[in-house]
């Protein structure tokens, strides 16, 4: 059974950068779209950035556009989220996700996500 393992979370100050990584264990997911979602206590999980299997199609939430960059290296079976110019409102648990199908299918809802990571906490202090 494939699992997604996130790493790279932590505590940073406003304006700093942080890079998250996600790699599946068990088998390759190079044909899957993958992405990052985040969730604050008491709120629904929301999409942050998604990327299709080839890396040629990307979508970003308006709140992170211009500050976050999603990439993937299929040779390393890894997807990344580079977060720059971070803000206190970026403080949430970040989840990696994977699904078969187009990258855009999860932009308005998470029902198409097939595999979730356990999440990594990101905290941005003012």
N, C-alpha and C. Protein backbone atom coordinates (compact mmCIF):
# COMPACT_ATOMS: atom_id res chain seq x y z
N UNK A 1 0.85 -1.18 0.00
CA UNK A 1 0.00 0.00 0.00
C UNK A 1 0.89 1.24 0.00
N UNK A 2 0.68 2.11 -0.96
CA UNK A 2 1.53 3.29 -1.07
C UNK A 2 1.16 4.31 -0.01
N UNK A 3 2.17 4.98 0.54
CA UNK A 3 1.97 6.06 1.49
C UNK A 3 2.75 7.27 1.01
N UNK A 4 2.27 8.44 1.36
CA UNK A 4 2.98 9.68 1.05
C UNK A 4 3.63 10.19 2.32
N UNK A 5 4.91 10.52 2.22
CA UNK A 5 5.66 10.98 3.39
C UNK A 5 6.14 12.40 3.13
N UNK A 6 5.66 13.33 3.96
CA UNK A 6 6.07 14.73 3.84
C UNK A 6 7.24 15.01 4.77
N UNK A 7 8.04 16.01 4.40
CA UNK A 7 9.12 16.47 5.26
C UNK A 7 9.38 17.94 4.97
N UNK A 8 10.05 18.61 5.90
CA UNK A 8 10.46 19.99 5.68
C UNK A 8 9.69 21.03 6.45
N UNK A 9 8.65 20.63 7.18
CA UNK A 9 7.91 21.60 7.95
C UNK A 9 8.72 22.13 9.11
N UNK A 10 8.23 23.21 9.73
CA UNK A 10 8.94 23.77 10.87
C UNK A 10 8.48 25.16 11.19
N UNK A 11 9.29 25.85 11.98
CA UNK A 11 8.99 27.21 12.44
C UNK A 11 9.91 28.20 11.74
N UNK A 12 9.31 29.21 11.11
CA UNK A 12 10.09 30.25 10.46
C UNK A 12 9.48 31.61 10.83
N UNK A 13 10.20 32.67 10.49
CA UNK A 13 9.68 34.02 10.73
C UNK A 13 9.05 34.56 9.45
N UNK A 14 8.19 35.53 9.60
CA UNK A 14 7.56 36.16 8.44
C UNK A 14 8.64 36.67 7.49
N UNK A 15 8.45 36.41 6.21
CA UNK A 15 9.40 36.81 5.19
C UNK A 15 10.42 35.74 4.85
N UNK A 16 10.51 34.71 5.68
CA UNK A 16 11.46 33.62 5.43
C UNK A 16 10.93 32.64 4.39
N UNK A 17 11.76 31.66 4.06
CA UNK A 17 11.41 30.61 3.10
C UNK A 17 11.48 29.25 3.76
N UNK A 18 10.75 28.32 3.16
CA UNK A 18 10.73 26.93 3.63
C UNK A 18 10.41 26.05 2.44
N UNK A 19 10.98 24.86 2.40
CA UNK A 19 10.71 23.95 1.29
C UNK A 19 10.21 22.63 1.82
N UNK A 20 9.04 22.24 1.37
CA UNK A 20 8.47 20.95 1.73
C UNK A 20 8.75 19.92 0.64
N UNK A 21 8.90 18.68 1.06
CA UNK A 21 9.11 17.58 0.12
C UNK A 21 8.09 16.48 0.41
N UNK A 22 7.76 15.73 -0.62
CA UNK A 22 6.82 14.62 -0.46
C UNK A 22 7.24 13.50 -1.39
N UNK A 23 7.38 12.33 -0.84
CA UNK A 23 7.75 11.17 -1.65
C UNK A 23 6.89 9.98 -1.26
N UNK A 24 6.42 9.22 -2.22
CA UNK A 24 5.64 8.03 -1.90
C UNK A 24 6.54 6.85 -1.55
N UNK A 25 6.07 6.05 -0.65
CA UNK A 25 6.77 4.81 -0.34
C UNK A 25 5.92 3.65 -0.85
N UNK A 26 6.55 2.67 -1.39
CA UNK A 26 5.80 1.52 -1.86
C UNK A 26 5.81 1.38 -3.37
N UNK A 27 5.56 2.48 -4.07
CA UNK A 27 5.62 2.42 -5.51
C UNK A 27 5.70 3.83 -6.08
N UNK A 28 6.03 3.92 -7.34
CA UNK A 28 6.12 5.21 -7.97
C UNK A 28 4.74 5.75 -8.31
N UNK A 29 4.62 7.08 -8.29
CA UNK A 29 3.36 7.74 -8.65
C UNK A 29 3.60 8.71 -9.79
N UNK A 30 4.51 8.38 -10.67
CA UNK A 30 4.90 9.31 -11.72
C UNK A 30 3.76 9.60 -12.70
N UNK A 31 2.75 8.77 -12.75
CA UNK A 31 1.63 9.02 -13.66
C UNK A 31 0.48 9.74 -12.98
N UNK A 32 0.62 10.05 -11.71
CA UNK A 32 -0.42 10.71 -10.93
C UNK A 32 -0.20 12.21 -10.88
N UNK A 33 -1.29 12.96 -10.80
CA UNK A 33 -1.19 14.35 -10.40
C UNK A 33 -0.92 14.38 -8.89
N UNK A 34 -0.20 15.39 -8.46
CA UNK A 34 0.10 15.52 -7.04
C UNK A 34 -0.04 16.96 -6.61
N UNK A 35 -0.14 17.18 -5.33
CA UNK A 35 -0.30 18.55 -4.89
C UNK A 35 -0.18 18.71 -3.39
N UNK A 36 -0.33 19.94 -2.98
CA UNK A 36 -0.25 20.32 -1.58
C UNK A 36 -1.55 21.00 -1.16
N UNK A 37 -2.01 20.63 0.01
CA UNK A 37 -3.19 21.20 0.61
C UNK A 37 -2.82 21.63 2.02
N UNK A 38 -3.65 22.48 2.62
CA UNK A 38 -3.38 22.86 3.99
C UNK A 38 -4.69 23.01 4.75
N UNK A 39 -4.55 22.89 6.06
CA UNK A 39 -5.75 22.93 6.90
C UNK A 39 -5.42 23.55 8.23
N UNK A 40 -6.24 24.51 8.63
CA UNK A 40 -6.14 25.13 9.93
C UNK A 40 -7.19 24.52 10.85
N UNK A 41 -7.00 24.59 12.17
CA UNK A 41 -7.98 24.02 13.10
C UNK A 41 -9.36 24.60 12.86
N UNK A 42 -10.36 23.72 12.76
CA UNK A 42 -11.73 24.16 12.59
C UNK A 42 -12.11 24.58 11.19
N UNK A 43 -11.18 24.44 10.25
CA UNK A 43 -11.46 24.85 8.88
C UNK A 43 -11.34 23.66 7.94
N UNK A 44 -11.91 23.80 6.74
CA UNK A 44 -11.80 22.74 5.76
C UNK A 44 -10.41 22.74 5.12
N UNK A 45 -10.02 21.57 4.64
CA UNK A 45 -8.75 21.46 3.95
C UNK A 45 -8.88 22.16 2.60
N UNK A 46 -7.89 22.97 2.26
CA UNK A 46 -7.94 23.74 1.02
C UNK A 46 -6.72 23.48 0.16
N UNK A 47 -6.91 23.62 -1.14
CA UNK A 47 -5.79 23.36 -2.03
C UNK A 47 -4.85 24.56 -2.01
N UNK A 48 -3.58 24.26 -2.13
CA UNK A 48 -2.53 25.26 -2.17
C UNK A 48 -1.91 25.31 -3.55
N UNK A 49 -1.44 24.17 -4.03
CA UNK A 49 -0.80 24.09 -5.34
C UNK A 49 -0.87 22.65 -5.83
N UNK A 50 -1.12 22.49 -7.12
CA UNK A 50 -1.19 21.15 -7.70
C UNK A 50 -0.41 21.11 -9.00
N UNK A 51 0.03 19.92 -9.37
CA UNK A 51 0.85 19.75 -10.57
C UNK A 51 0.48 18.43 -11.22
N UNK A 52 0.42 18.42 -12.54
CA UNK A 52 0.04 17.17 -13.21
C UNK A 52 1.25 16.25 -13.33
N UNK A 53 1.07 15.09 -13.94
CA UNK A 53 2.12 14.07 -13.93
C UNK A 53 3.40 14.53 -14.62
N UNK A 54 3.27 15.36 -15.65
CA UNK A 54 4.46 15.77 -16.42
C UNK A 54 5.10 17.04 -15.87
N UNK A 55 4.38 17.72 -14.99
CA UNK A 55 4.88 19.00 -14.50
C UNK A 55 4.52 20.16 -15.38
N UNK A 56 3.76 19.92 -16.43
CA UNK A 56 3.45 20.97 -17.39
C UNK A 56 2.20 21.77 -17.06
N UNK A 57 1.41 21.29 -16.13
CA UNK A 57 0.18 21.99 -15.74
C UNK A 57 0.21 22.23 -14.25
N UNK A 58 0.08 23.50 -13.89
CA UNK A 58 0.16 23.90 -12.48
C UNK A 58 -1.03 24.78 -12.13
N UNK A 59 -1.47 24.68 -10.90
CA UNK A 59 -2.49 25.59 -10.39
C UNK A 59 -2.09 26.00 -8.98
N UNK A 60 -2.35 27.28 -8.67
CA UNK A 60 -2.05 27.80 -7.34
C UNK A 60 -3.29 28.50 -6.78
N UNK A 61 -3.43 28.41 -5.48
CA UNK A 61 -4.45 29.20 -4.81
C UNK A 61 -4.05 30.67 -4.89
N UNK A 62 -5.04 31.56 -4.97
CA UNK A 62 -4.73 32.98 -5.08
C UNK A 62 -3.90 33.47 -3.90
N UNK A 63 -4.11 32.88 -2.74
CA UNK A 63 -3.43 33.34 -1.53
C UNK A 63 -1.92 33.06 -1.55
N UNK A 64 -1.47 32.17 -2.42
CA UNK A 64 -0.05 31.82 -2.45
C UNK A 64 0.60 32.13 -3.79
N UNK A 65 -0.18 32.55 -4.76
CA UNK A 65 0.34 32.80 -6.09
C UNK A 65 1.43 33.87 -6.03
N UNK A 66 2.55 33.59 -6.67
CA UNK A 66 3.68 34.51 -6.67
C UNK A 66 4.63 34.31 -5.50
N UNK A 67 4.23 33.53 -4.51
CA UNK A 67 5.09 33.28 -3.35
C UNK A 67 5.50 31.81 -3.25
N UNK A 68 4.63 30.91 -3.65
CA UNK A 68 4.90 29.47 -3.55
C UNK A 68 5.14 28.90 -4.95
N UNK A 69 5.98 27.87 -5.02
CA UNK A 69 6.26 27.20 -6.29
C UNK A 69 6.23 25.69 -6.09
N UNK A 70 5.43 25.01 -6.88
CA UNK A 70 5.37 23.55 -6.82
C UNK A 70 6.15 22.97 -7.99
N UNK A 71 6.94 21.96 -7.71
CA UNK A 71 7.71 21.26 -8.75
C UNK A 71 7.70 19.77 -8.43
N UNK A 72 8.10 19.00 -9.41
CA UNK A 72 8.23 17.56 -9.17
C UNK A 72 9.40 17.01 -9.96
N UNK A 73 10.03 16.01 -9.40
CA UNK A 73 11.10 15.29 -10.06
C UNK A 73 10.69 13.82 -10.11
N UNK A 74 10.18 13.40 -11.25
CA UNK A 74 9.71 12.02 -11.35
C UNK A 74 10.84 11.02 -11.21
N UNK A 75 12.06 11.41 -11.60
CA UNK A 75 13.20 10.52 -11.45
C UNK A 75 13.47 10.22 -9.98
N UNK A 76 13.15 11.19 -9.12
CA UNK A 76 13.32 11.00 -7.69
C UNK A 76 12.00 10.68 -7.00
N UNK A 77 10.92 10.63 -7.82
CA UNK A 77 9.61 10.28 -7.25
C UNK A 77 9.22 11.24 -6.14
N UNK A 78 9.51 12.53 -6.35
CA UNK A 78 9.31 13.51 -5.29
C UNK A 78 8.64 14.77 -5.82
N UNK A 79 7.76 15.35 -5.00
CA UNK A 79 7.16 16.64 -5.32
C UNK A 79 7.55 17.62 -4.22
N UNK A 80 7.76 18.86 -4.60
CA UNK A 80 8.24 19.88 -3.68
C UNK A 80 7.28 21.07 -3.64
N UNK A 81 7.34 21.79 -2.53
CA UNK A 81 6.65 23.07 -2.43
C UNK A 81 7.62 24.07 -1.82
N UNK A 82 8.11 24.96 -2.67
CA UNK A 82 8.99 26.03 -2.21
C UNK A 82 8.12 27.20 -1.77
N UNK A 83 8.26 27.60 -0.52
CA UNK A 83 7.44 28.67 0.03
C UNK A 83 8.34 29.85 0.38
N UNK A 84 8.12 30.95 -0.28
CA UNK A 84 8.90 32.18 -0.06
C UNK A 84 8.00 33.29 0.47
N UNK A 85 8.62 34.31 1.02
CA UNK A 85 7.89 35.46 1.55
C UNK A 85 6.72 35.01 2.42
N UNK A 86 7.01 34.15 3.33
CA UNK A 86 5.96 33.53 4.12
C UNK A 86 5.31 34.52 5.06
N UNK A 87 4.03 34.28 5.34
CA UNK A 87 3.23 35.14 6.19
C UNK A 87 2.67 34.35 7.36
N UNK A 88 2.34 35.01 8.45
CA UNK A 88 1.74 34.30 9.58
C UNK A 88 0.48 33.52 9.20
N UNK A 89 -0.27 34.03 8.23
CA UNK A 89 -1.49 33.32 7.82
C UNK A 89 -1.20 32.03 7.05
N UNK A 90 0.06 31.77 6.74
CA UNK A 90 0.45 30.49 6.12
C UNK A 90 0.59 29.39 7.17
N UNK A 91 0.43 29.73 8.42
CA UNK A 91 0.56 28.77 9.50
C UNK A 91 -0.59 27.78 9.45
N UNK A 92 -0.30 26.54 9.05
CA UNK A 92 -1.30 25.48 8.96
C UNK A 92 -0.57 24.14 8.87
N UNK A 93 -1.32 23.06 8.91
CA UNK A 93 -0.77 21.74 8.61
C UNK A 93 -0.85 21.54 7.10
N UNK A 94 0.27 21.17 6.50
CA UNK A 94 0.34 20.98 5.05
C UNK A 94 0.33 19.49 4.73
N UNK A 95 -0.53 19.14 3.77
CA UNK A 95 -0.69 17.74 3.38
C UNK A 95 -0.32 17.54 1.92
N UNK A 96 0.39 16.48 1.65
CA UNK A 96 0.68 16.07 0.29
C UNK A 96 -0.44 15.13 -0.17
N UNK A 97 -0.76 15.17 -1.47
CA UNK A 97 -1.85 14.35 -1.98
C UNK A 97 -1.52 13.86 -3.39
N UNK A 98 -2.15 12.76 -3.77
CA UNK A 98 -1.96 12.21 -5.11
C UNK A 98 -3.27 11.64 -5.61
N UNK A 99 -3.48 11.73 -6.93
CA UNK A 99 -4.70 11.21 -7.53
C UNK A 99 -4.49 10.96 -9.00
N UNK A 100 -5.22 10.03 -9.56
CA UNK A 100 -5.19 9.76 -10.99
C UNK A 100 -6.14 10.75 -11.66
N UNK A 101 -5.69 11.39 -12.71
CA UNK A 101 -6.53 12.38 -13.37
C UNK A 101 -5.84 13.72 -13.46
N UNK A 102 -6.54 14.68 -14.01
CA UNK A 102 -5.98 15.99 -14.23
C UNK A 102 -5.71 16.77 -12.96
N UNK A 103 -4.79 17.72 -13.05
CA UNK A 103 -4.43 18.51 -11.87
C UNK A 103 -5.58 19.36 -11.40
N UNK A 104 -6.41 19.84 -12.32
CA UNK A 104 -7.47 20.78 -11.95
C UNK A 104 -8.65 20.13 -11.23
N UNK A 105 -8.73 18.81 -11.22
CA UNK A 105 -9.90 18.14 -10.67
C UNK A 105 -10.05 18.31 -9.16
N UNK A 106 -9.03 18.79 -8.48
CA UNK A 106 -9.10 18.92 -7.02
C UNK A 106 -9.07 20.38 -6.58
N UNK A 107 -9.10 21.29 -7.53
CA UNK A 107 -9.00 22.71 -7.19
C UNK A 107 -10.21 23.18 -6.38
N UNK A 108 -11.40 22.66 -6.66
CA UNK A 108 -12.59 23.11 -5.94
C UNK A 108 -13.08 22.10 -4.93
N UNK A 109 -12.38 20.99 -4.76
CA UNK A 109 -12.80 19.99 -3.79
C UNK A 109 -11.83 18.84 -3.75
N UNK A 110 -11.79 18.15 -2.61
CA UNK A 110 -10.77 17.12 -2.43
C UNK A 110 -11.29 15.71 -2.67
N UNK A 111 -12.50 15.56 -3.18
CA UNK A 111 -13.09 14.23 -3.31
C UNK A 111 -12.32 13.32 -4.27
N UNK A 112 -11.58 13.89 -5.21
CA UNK A 112 -10.85 13.06 -6.17
C UNK A 112 -9.49 12.61 -5.66
N UNK A 113 -9.07 13.15 -4.53
CA UNK A 113 -7.78 12.74 -3.97
C UNK A 113 -7.86 11.28 -3.51
N UNK A 114 -6.88 10.50 -3.91
CA UNK A 114 -6.86 9.07 -3.59
C UNK A 114 -5.92 8.74 -2.44
N UNK A 115 -4.84 9.49 -2.34
CA UNK A 115 -3.83 9.19 -1.32
C UNK A 115 -3.45 10.50 -0.61
N UNK A 116 -3.44 10.46 0.71
CA UNK A 116 -3.03 11.61 1.53
C UNK A 116 -1.81 11.27 2.35
N UNK A 117 -0.96 12.27 2.55
CA UNK A 117 0.09 12.14 3.53
C UNK A 117 -0.46 12.44 4.91
N UNK A 118 0.36 12.28 5.93
CA UNK A 118 -0.10 12.52 7.29
C UNK A 118 -0.02 13.98 7.70
N UNK A 119 0.67 14.78 6.91
CA UNK A 119 0.75 16.20 7.18
C UNK A 119 2.01 16.61 7.90
N UNK A 120 2.42 17.85 7.65
CA UNK A 120 3.57 18.42 8.34
C UNK A 120 3.21 19.85 8.75
N UNK A 121 3.56 20.21 9.97
CA UNK A 121 3.16 21.50 10.51
C UNK A 121 4.12 22.59 10.05
N UNK A 122 3.54 23.70 9.59
CA UNK A 122 4.30 24.88 9.21
C UNK A 122 3.81 26.04 10.08
N UNK A 123 4.73 26.67 10.76
CA UNK A 123 4.38 27.80 11.64
C UNK A 123 5.22 29.00 11.24
N UNK A 124 4.53 30.12 11.01
CA UNK A 124 5.21 31.36 10.63
C UNK A 124 4.93 32.40 11.71
N UNK A 125 5.97 32.85 12.36
CA UNK A 125 5.81 33.83 13.43
C UNK A 125 5.92 35.24 12.86
N UNK A 126 5.21 36.16 13.48
CA UNK A 126 5.19 37.54 12.99
C UNK A 126 6.49 38.27 13.33
